[in-house]
Every structure is written in structure tokens, then in C-alpha cells.
Amino acid sequence: MEINFSDEQLREIVNGDREQIYVTLKMLTDSIVKLQQEVKELRRQLGQNSITSSKPPSSDGYRKPLRQSGGKKGAPKGHKGSTLQLSATPDHIVDHFPSHCEKCQTTLVGMKGVQYEKRQEFDIHAPKVVVTEHRLHHNVCHAVIICSV
């Protein structure tokens, strides 16, 4: 409902009887209340985005909402870190030997390793810590001359 009184209509209302003034004021206040509700709903819709509603992110358009970071990860600055040191006396040793030369595919089964890298895993079993050391052996192929060519 559009309310647009001319100057003549306003003078007629003001100079009219009390009942006419009351009816006009009631109509105007009802219209104002409806318009305020409509403005509130439109502002609510304008404030919606994919984070504050069930709308998909593609509906955000160019006004993408800024995402807040979840904070810094990890230990705070200045925190003294710690790690388990390698055990000199592991409870178990598992040797892993290569089956073939990585370059020429010559079999290395049964050959003794010339050096190894070790990693240890610490399993805590109540009440004893069991340490298993894994040794990755590196072999030298007899076909070294062929591999290095």
C-alpha cells in the first residue's frame, strides 16, 4: 500500500474531525510498523552468507566472507621440545635387506650389507618398554662397473 497524500488532502485531514484524524494516524502507524518489519527482514537476508545460513558458498558471489583462522598450530614459542633418544640396547633387532640393486635390478639376496641406517620404535607395554630397532642395510652390487656406466 503506497501512501502519498497531496497538500490538499493533508489540509483536509488536519482540518477534519477527530475521528478522521485518528483513522488516518492509525493507518499511517500500521504502515510504518509493516515497513519496519520488512526492512528488518531484508537486512537479515542481506547479512546471510554461506557461513551464517544453509546457502552454498557459490551463492556468496564477490562478497566472500572472511574466514577466521583457528589460531596458531603447534607448541608455543619458547617451548622446550623433547624427543625419545635412540636406545643403545634395543630389545629386538629386525634387519631389512634390499632384494635387488635399484639401478640394474641385480639380485642382492644373501649378500651381507656394508652399512645400515637405523630407526627405532618404542612400544610401551605395561610395565616394560620394548624397543625394536630396524636396520636398513645398503649393499654394493658386484656389477658396480656396469651400474656406474
N, C-alpha and C. Protein backbone atom coordinates (compact mmCIF):
# COMPACT_ATOMS: atom_id res chain seq x y z
N MET A 1 0.84 -1.16 0.00
CA MET A 1 0.00 0.00 0.00
C MET A 1 0.89 1.23 0.00
N GLU A 2 0.71 2.07 -1.00
CA GLU A 2 1.52 3.28 -1.10
C GLU A 2 0.75 4.45 -0.53
N ILE A 3 1.41 5.19 0.34
CA ILE A 3 0.75 6.34 0.96
C ILE A 3 1.40 7.58 0.40
N ASN A 4 0.61 8.38 -0.28
CA ASN A 4 1.13 9.60 -0.88
C ASN A 4 0.00 10.64 -0.88
N PHE A 5 -0.02 11.45 0.18
CA PHE A 5 -1.07 12.46 0.30
C PHE A 5 -0.63 13.74 -0.40
N SER A 6 -1.57 14.35 -1.07
CA SER A 6 -1.30 15.66 -1.65
C SER A 6 -1.45 16.70 -0.54
N ASP A 7 -0.98 17.93 -0.80
CA ASP A 7 -1.09 19.01 0.19
C ASP A 7 -2.56 19.26 0.53
N GLU A 8 -3.40 19.18 -0.47
CA GLU A 8 -4.84 19.43 -0.25
C GLU A 8 -5.45 18.36 0.65
N GLN A 9 -5.05 17.10 0.44
CA GLN A 9 -5.57 16.01 1.27
C GLN A 9 -5.08 16.15 2.71
N LEU A 10 -3.82 16.55 2.90
CA LEU A 10 -3.28 16.74 4.25
C LEU A 10 -4.03 17.85 4.99
N ARG A 11 -4.33 18.97 4.29
CA ARG A 11 -5.08 20.08 4.91
C ARG A 11 -6.48 19.62 5.31
N GLU A 12 -7.08 18.79 4.44
CA GLU A 12 -8.42 18.28 4.72
C GLU A 12 -8.41 17.38 5.96
N ILE A 13 -7.36 16.55 6.09
CA ILE A 13 -7.26 15.65 7.24
C ILE A 13 -7.05 16.46 8.52
N VAL A 14 -6.11 17.43 8.48
CA VAL A 14 -5.82 18.24 9.66
C VAL A 14 -7.04 19.06 10.08
N ASN A 15 -7.78 19.58 9.14
CA ASN A 15 -8.96 20.41 9.44
C ASN A 15 -10.20 19.56 9.66
N GLY A 16 -10.08 18.24 9.51
CA GLY A 16 -11.24 17.37 9.66
C GLY A 16 -11.55 17.10 11.12
N ASP A 17 -12.55 16.25 11.33
CA ASP A 17 -12.93 15.93 12.69
C ASP A 17 -11.93 14.97 13.32
N ARG A 18 -12.03 14.79 14.62
CA ARG A 18 -11.08 13.95 15.36
C ARG A 18 -11.09 12.50 14.86
N GLU A 19 -12.23 11.99 14.51
CA GLU A 19 -12.32 10.60 14.05
C GLU A 19 -11.53 10.41 12.76
N GLN A 20 -11.61 11.35 11.85
CA GLN A 20 -10.87 11.25 10.59
C GLN A 20 -9.36 11.32 10.85
N ILE A 21 -8.93 12.20 11.78
CA ILE A 21 -7.52 12.30 12.14
C ILE A 21 -7.04 11.00 12.76
N TYR A 22 -7.84 10.42 13.68
CA TYR A 22 -7.48 9.17 14.33
C TYR A 22 -7.32 8.04 13.31
N VAL A 23 -8.29 7.90 12.39
CA VAL A 23 -8.24 6.83 11.39
C VAL A 23 -7.00 6.98 10.52
N THR A 24 -6.70 8.20 10.12
CA THR A 24 -5.53 8.45 9.27
C THR A 24 -4.23 8.12 10.02
N LEU A 25 -4.11 8.57 11.29
CA LEU A 25 -2.92 8.27 12.08
C LEU A 25 -2.77 6.76 12.31
N LYS A 26 -3.89 6.07 12.56
CA LYS A 26 -3.84 4.62 12.76
C LYS A 26 -3.34 3.94 11.49
N MET A 27 -3.84 4.36 10.33
CA MET A 27 -3.41 3.78 9.07
C MET A 27 -1.91 4.03 8.85
N LEU A 28 -1.44 5.23 9.18
CA LEU A 28 -0.03 5.56 8.99
C LEU A 28 0.87 4.76 9.94
N THR A 29 0.48 4.64 11.21
CA THR A 29 1.31 3.87 12.14
C THR A 29 1.33 2.39 11.78
N ASP A 30 0.21 1.83 11.31
CA ASP A 30 0.20 0.43 10.87
C ASP A 30 1.15 0.24 9.68
N SER A 31 1.13 1.20 8.77
CA SER A 31 2.02 1.12 7.61
C SER A 31 3.47 1.21 8.04
N ILE A 32 3.77 2.07 9.00
CA ILE A 32 5.15 2.21 9.49
C ILE A 32 5.62 0.91 10.12
N VAL A 33 4.78 0.27 10.92
CA VAL A 33 5.15 -0.99 11.57
C VAL A 33 5.44 -2.05 10.52
N LYS A 34 4.58 -2.15 9.49
CA LYS A 34 4.81 -3.13 8.42
C LYS A 34 6.11 -2.86 7.69
N LEU A 35 6.38 -1.60 7.40
CA LEU A 35 7.61 -1.24 6.70
C LEU A 35 8.84 -1.55 7.55
N GLN A 36 8.77 -1.31 8.86
CA GLN A 36 9.90 -1.61 9.74
C GLN A 36 10.19 -3.11 9.77
N GLN A 37 9.13 -3.91 9.79
CA GLN A 37 9.30 -5.37 9.77
C GLN A 37 9.93 -5.82 8.46
N GLU A 38 9.49 -5.21 7.37
CA GLU A 38 10.02 -5.57 6.06
C GLU A 38 11.50 -5.18 5.95
N VAL A 39 11.86 -4.02 6.45
CA VAL A 39 13.26 -3.57 6.43
C VAL A 39 14.11 -4.51 7.27
N LYS A 40 13.60 -4.92 8.43
CA LYS A 40 14.34 -5.84 9.30
C LYS A 40 14.59 -7.17 8.60
N GLU A 41 13.58 -7.71 7.92
CA GLU A 41 13.72 -8.98 7.20
C GLU A 41 14.70 -8.84 6.03
N LEU A 42 14.63 -7.75 5.30
CA LEU A 42 15.55 -7.54 4.18
C LEU A 42 16.99 -7.40 4.66
N ARG A 43 17.18 -6.71 5.79
CA ARG A 43 18.54 -6.58 6.34
C ARG A 43 19.06 -7.94 6.79
N ARG A 44 18.20 -8.77 7.36
CA ARG A 44 18.60 -10.11 7.78
C ARG A 44 19.02 -10.93 6.56
N GLN A 45 18.26 -10.83 5.47
CA GLN A 45 18.60 -11.57 4.25
C GLN A 45 19.91 -11.08 3.65
N LEU A 46 20.13 -9.79 3.69
CA LEU A 46 21.38 -9.24 3.16
C LEU A 46 22.59 -9.71 3.96
N GLY A 47 22.43 -9.95 5.24
CA GLY A 47 23.52 -10.38 6.09
C GLY A 47 23.83 -11.86 5.98
N GLN A 48 23.03 -12.61 5.24
CA GLN A 48 23.26 -14.05 5.14
C GLN A 48 24.37 -14.34 4.13
N ASN A 49 25.13 -15.38 4.45
CA ASN A 49 26.13 -15.90 3.52
C ASN A 49 26.24 -17.39 3.77
N SER A 50 27.21 -18.03 3.16
CA SER A 50 27.32 -19.49 3.28
C SER A 50 27.71 -19.93 4.68
N ILE A 51 28.24 -19.03 5.49
CA ILE A 51 28.62 -19.39 6.85
C ILE A 51 27.44 -19.25 7.81
N THR A 52 26.61 -18.21 7.61
CA THR A 52 25.51 -17.94 8.53
C THR A 52 24.19 -18.55 8.11
N SER A 53 24.18 -19.33 7.04
CA SER A 53 22.94 -19.96 6.59
C SER A 53 23.27 -21.27 5.89
N SER A 54 22.25 -21.89 5.35
CA SER A 54 22.46 -23.15 4.63
C SER A 54 22.72 -22.91 3.14
N LYS A 55 23.01 -21.67 2.79
CA LYS A 55 23.29 -21.34 1.39
C LYS A 55 24.63 -21.93 0.98
N PRO A 56 24.77 -22.36 -0.29
CA PRO A 56 26.07 -22.87 -0.75
C PRO A 56 27.07 -21.73 -0.92
N PRO A 57 28.38 -22.02 -0.81
CA PRO A 57 29.40 -20.97 -0.95
C PRO A 57 29.34 -20.25 -2.29
N SER A 58 28.86 -20.93 -3.33
CA SER A 58 28.80 -20.29 -4.65
C SER A 58 27.81 -19.14 -4.67
N SER A 59 26.88 -19.10 -3.71
CA SER A 59 25.89 -18.02 -3.69
C SER A 59 26.43 -16.76 -3.03
N ASP A 60 27.65 -16.80 -2.48
CA ASP A 60 28.23 -15.63 -1.83
C ASP A 60 28.64 -14.57 -2.86
N GLY A 61 28.87 -14.98 -4.10
CA GLY A 61 29.26 -14.03 -5.13
C GLY A 61 30.62 -13.44 -4.84
N TYR A 62 30.77 -12.13 -5.13
CA TYR A 62 32.06 -11.48 -4.94
C TYR A 62 32.29 -11.08 -3.48
N ARG A 63 31.23 -11.11 -2.69
CA ARG A 63 31.36 -10.73 -1.28
C ARG A 63 31.59 -11.97 -0.44
N LYS A 64 32.71 -12.60 -0.64
CA LYS A 64 33.04 -13.81 0.11
C LYS A 64 33.28 -13.44 1.57
N PRO A 65 32.76 -14.24 2.49
CA PRO A 65 33.01 -13.95 3.91
C PRO A 65 34.47 -14.23 4.26
N LEU A 66 35.01 -13.41 5.14
CA LEU A 66 36.38 -13.62 5.60
C LEU A 66 36.36 -14.71 6.64
N ARG A 67 37.22 -15.69 6.46
CA ARG A 67 37.28 -16.79 7.40
C ARG A 67 38.31 -16.47 8.48
N GLN A 68 37.91 -16.74 9.69
CA GLN A 68 38.81 -16.51 10.81
C GLN A 68 39.71 -17.73 10.96
N SER A 69 40.99 -17.49 11.15
CA SER A 69 41.90 -18.62 11.34
C SER A 69 41.63 -19.24 12.70
N GLY A 70 41.90 -20.53 12.79
CA GLY A 70 41.64 -21.25 14.03
C GLY A 70 42.73 -21.05 15.07
N GLY A 71 43.64 -20.16 14.84
CA GLY A 71 44.73 -19.94 15.79
C GLY A 71 45.98 -20.63 15.30
N LYS A 72 47.06 -20.37 15.98
CA LYS A 72 48.34 -20.96 15.58
C LYS A 72 48.39 -22.41 16.02
N LYS A 73 49.02 -23.21 15.21
CA LYS A 73 49.16 -24.64 15.50
C LYS A 73 50.50 -24.90 16.16
N GLY A 74 50.55 -25.98 16.89
CA GLY A 74 51.81 -26.42 17.48
C GLY A 74 52.07 -25.82 18.84
N ALA A 75 53.25 -26.08 19.32
CA ALA A 75 53.64 -25.62 20.65
C ALA A 75 53.92 -24.12 20.62
N PRO A 76 53.72 -23.45 21.74
CA PRO A 76 54.01 -22.02 21.79
C PRO A 76 55.50 -21.74 21.65
N LYS A 77 55.83 -20.50 21.23
CA LYS A 77 57.23 -20.11 21.08
C LYS A 77 57.93 -20.22 22.44
N GLY A 78 59.17 -20.69 22.39
CA GLY A 78 59.94 -20.83 23.60
C GLY A 78 59.74 -22.15 24.32
N HIS A 79 58.81 -22.98 23.81
CA HIS A 79 58.56 -24.29 24.43
C HIS A 79 59.74 -25.20 24.17
N LYS A 80 60.28 -25.81 25.24
CA LYS A 80 61.41 -26.71 25.09
C LYS A 80 60.88 -28.07 24.63
N GLY A 81 61.18 -28.44 23.41
CA GLY A 81 60.73 -29.70 22.86
C GLY A 81 61.49 -30.87 23.45
N SER A 82 60.96 -32.05 23.26
CA SER A 82 61.66 -33.26 23.72
C SER A 82 61.35 -34.40 22.77
N THR A 83 62.27 -35.33 22.67
CA THR A 83 62.08 -36.50 21.83
C THR A 83 62.78 -37.68 22.48
N LEU A 84 62.35 -38.87 22.14
CA LEU A 84 63.00 -40.06 22.67
C LEU A 84 64.34 -40.26 21.98
N GLN A 85 65.36 -40.55 22.75
CA GLN A 85 66.69 -40.80 22.20
C GLN A 85 66.79 -42.28 21.80
N LEU A 86 67.66 -42.57 20.81
CA LEU A 86 67.85 -43.95 20.39
C LEU A 86 68.41 -44.77 21.55
N SER A 87 67.91 -45.98 21.68
CA SER A 87 68.37 -46.87 22.73
C SER A 87 69.64 -47.59 22.28
N ALA A 88 70.62 -47.70 23.17
CA ALA A 88 71.85 -48.43 22.86
C ALA A 88 71.64 -49.93 22.95
N THR A 89 70.59 -50.35 23.65
CA THR A 89 70.32 -51.78 23.84
C THR A 89 68.86 -52.09 23.49
N PRO A 90 68.53 -52.14 22.18
CA PRO A 90 67.15 -52.45 21.82
C PRO A 90 66.79 -53.90 22.20
N ASP A 91 65.53 -54.14 22.49
CA ASP A 91 65.07 -55.48 22.85
C ASP A 91 65.00 -56.40 21.63
N HIS A 92 64.68 -55.87 20.48
CA HIS A 92 64.60 -56.66 19.25
C HIS A 92 65.29 -55.90 18.13
N ILE A 93 65.90 -56.62 17.22
CA ILE A 93 66.50 -56.01 16.03
C ILE A 93 65.92 -56.73 14.82
N VAL A 94 65.35 -55.95 13.90
CA VAL A 94 64.79 -56.50 12.66
C VAL A 94 65.61 -55.94 11.52
N ASP A 95 66.27 -56.82 10.76
CA ASP A 95 67.08 -56.38 9.62
C ASP A 95 66.25 -56.40 8.35
N HIS A 96 66.36 -55.34 7.57
CA HIS A 96 65.67 -55.24 6.28
C HIS A 96 66.75 -55.14 5.20
N PHE A 97 66.85 -56.17 4.37
CA PHE A 97 67.85 -56.19 3.30
C PHE A 97 67.16 -55.93 1.96
N PRO A 98 67.82 -55.18 1.08
CA PRO A 98 67.25 -54.98 -0.24
C PRO A 98 67.29 -56.30 -1.03
N SER A 99 66.28 -56.51 -1.87
CA SER A 99 66.24 -57.75 -2.64
C SER A 99 66.97 -57.62 -3.97
N HIS A 100 67.16 -56.37 -4.47
CA HIS A 100 67.82 -56.18 -5.75
C HIS A 100 68.46 -54.79 -5.81
N CYS A 101 69.37 -54.63 -6.73
CA CYS A 101 70.04 -53.34 -6.94
C CYS A 101 69.02 -52.39 -7.57
N GLU A 102 68.94 -51.16 -7.01
CA GLU A 102 67.98 -50.18 -7.53
C GLU A 102 68.31 -49.72 -8.94
N LYS A 103 69.60 -49.78 -9.33
CA LYS A 103 69.99 -49.28 -10.65
C LYS A 103 69.87 -50.36 -11.73
N CYS A 104 70.45 -51.55 -11.47
CA CYS A 104 70.49 -52.55 -12.54
C CYS A 104 69.60 -53.76 -12.27
N GLN A 105 68.90 -53.78 -11.14
CA GLN A 105 67.98 -54.85 -10.79
C GLN A 105 68.65 -56.20 -10.53
N THR A 106 69.98 -56.22 -10.33
CA THR A 106 70.69 -57.46 -9.99
C THR A 106 70.25 -57.91 -8.60
N THR A 107 70.03 -59.21 -8.42
CA THR A 107 69.59 -59.71 -7.12
C THR A 107 70.67 -59.55 -6.08
N LEU A 108 70.28 -59.18 -4.86
CA LEU A 108 71.20 -58.98 -3.75
C LEU A 108 70.87 -59.93 -2.60
N VAL A 109 70.02 -60.92 -2.85
CA VAL A 109 69.60 -61.86 -1.81
C VAL A 109 70.80 -62.64 -1.31
N GLY A 110 70.96 -62.74 0.00
CA GLY A 110 72.04 -63.49 0.62
C GLY A 110 73.33 -62.72 0.77
N MET A 111 73.39 -61.50 0.25
CA MET A 111 74.62 -60.71 0.39
C MET A 111 74.61 -59.97 1.72
N LYS A 112 75.80 -59.79 2.28
CA LYS A 112 75.94 -59.07 3.53
C LYS A 112 75.95 -57.56 3.25
N GLY A 113 75.30 -56.79 4.10
CA GLY A 113 75.25 -55.34 3.93
C GLY A 113 76.55 -54.69 4.30
N VAL A 114 76.85 -53.54 3.71
CA VAL A 114 78.08 -52.82 4.01
C VAL A 114 77.85 -51.72 5.03
N GLN A 115 76.64 -51.22 5.13
CA GLN A 115 76.29 -50.23 6.14
C GLN A 115 74.77 -50.26 6.30
N TYR A 116 74.26 -49.58 7.32
CA TYR A 116 72.81 -49.54 7.52
C TYR A 116 72.41 -48.24 8.20
N GLU A 117 71.13 -47.89 8.03
CA GLU A 117 70.50 -46.79 8.75
C GLU A 117 69.61 -47.43 9.79
N LYS A 118 69.43 -46.77 10.92
CA LYS A 118 68.54 -47.37 11.90
C LYS A 118 67.47 -46.39 12.35
N ARG A 119 66.30 -46.96 12.60
CA ARG A 119 65.16 -46.25 13.15
C ARG A 119 64.65 -47.11 14.29
N GLN A 120 64.13 -46.50 15.32
CA GLN A 120 63.62 -47.29 16.43
C GLN A 120 62.18 -46.89 16.71
N GLU A 121 61.38 -47.89 17.07
CA GLU A 121 60.02 -47.62 17.51
C GLU A 121 59.91 -48.06 18.95
N PHE A 122 59.24 -47.26 19.73
CA PHE A 122 59.09 -47.53 21.16
C PHE A 122 57.65 -47.93 21.44
N ASP A 123 57.43 -49.17 21.81
CA ASP A 123 56.12 -49.66 22.21
C ASP A 123 56.10 -49.76 23.72
N ILE A 124 55.12 -49.17 24.32
CA ILE A 124 55.03 -49.21 25.78
C ILE A 124 54.06 -50.32 26.16
N HIS A 125 54.58 -51.34 26.78
CA HIS A 125 53.79 -52.45 27.30
C HIS A 125 53.94 -52.40 28.81
N ALA A 126 52.86 -52.39 29.51
CA ALA A 126 52.94 -52.31 30.96
C ALA A 126 53.57 -53.57 31.51
N PRO A 127 54.48 -53.50 32.40
CA PRO A 127 55.16 -52.30 32.88
C PRO A 127 56.51 -52.09 32.22
N LYS A 128 56.78 -52.69 31.04
CA LYS A 128 58.10 -52.64 30.42
C LYS A 128 58.04 -51.97 29.06
N VAL A 129 59.06 -51.18 28.75
CA VAL A 129 59.19 -50.58 27.42
C VAL A 129 59.97 -51.56 26.55
N VAL A 130 59.40 -51.90 25.38
CA VAL A 130 60.06 -52.81 24.45
C VAL A 130 60.53 -51.98 23.26
N VAL A 131 61.81 -52.03 22.96
CA VAL A 131 62.40 -51.24 21.88
C VAL A 131 62.76 -52.17 20.74
N THR A 132 62.28 -51.86 19.54
CA THR A 132 62.64 -52.63 18.35
C THR A 132 63.45 -51.72 17.44
N GLU A 133 64.62 -52.16 17.05
CA GLU A 133 65.47 -51.39 16.15
C GLU A 133 65.35 -51.98 14.76
N HIS A 134 65.13 -51.13 13.78
CA HIS A 134 65.04 -51.55 12.39
C HIS A 134 66.29 -51.07 11.69
N ARG A 135 66.97 -51.96 11.00
CA ARG A 135 68.20 -51.60 10.29
C ARG A 135 67.98 -51.80 8.80
N LEU A 136 68.14 -50.75 8.04
CA LEU A 136 68.01 -50.80 6.59
C LEU A 136 69.42 -50.91 6.03
N HIS A 137 69.75 -52.08 5.50
CA HIS A 137 71.11 -52.33 5.01
C HIS A 137 71.25 -51.85 3.58
N HIS A 138 72.43 -51.36 3.25
CA HIS A 138 72.77 -50.92 1.90
C HIS A 138 73.86 -51.86 1.39
N ASN A 139 73.62 -52.51 0.27
CA ASN A 139 74.60 -53.45 -0.29
C ASN A 139 75.31 -52.82 -1.48
N VAL A 140 76.45 -53.39 -1.82
CA VAL A 140 77.18 -52.98 -3.01
C VAL A 140 77.04 -54.10 -4.03
N CYS A 141 76.56 -53.78 -5.18
CA CYS A 141 76.32 -54.75 -6.25
C CYS A 141 77.67 -55.17 -6.84
N HIS A 142 77.84 -56.48 -7.19
CA HIS A 142 79.06 -56.95 -7.83
C HIS A 142 79.21 -56.37 -9.23
N ALA A 143 78.11 -55.91 -9.79
CA ALA A 143 78.14 -55.32 -11.13
C ALA A 143 78.31 -53.82 -11.03
N VAL A 144 79.14 -53.33 -10.08
CA VAL A 144 79.33 -51.91 -9.85
C VAL A 144 79.79 -51.22 -11.10
N ILE A 145 80.65 -51.85 -11.85
CA ILE A 145 81.18 -51.27 -13.07
C ILE A 145 80.05 -51.04 -14.06
N ILE A 146 79.13 -51.99 -14.13
CA ILE A 146 78.02 -51.86 -15.06
C ILE A 146 77.05 -50.78 -14.58
N CYS A 147 76.77 -50.73 -13.27
CA CYS A 147 75.82 -49.75 -12.71
C CYS A 147 76.32 -48.32 -12.86
N SER A 148 77.62 -48.10 -12.72
CA SER A 148 78.13 -46.75 -12.73
C SER A 148 78.31 -46.19 -14.12
N VAL A 149 78.12 -47.00 -15.15
CA VAL A 149 78.30 -46.54 -16.52
C VAL A 149 77.11 -45.73 -16.95
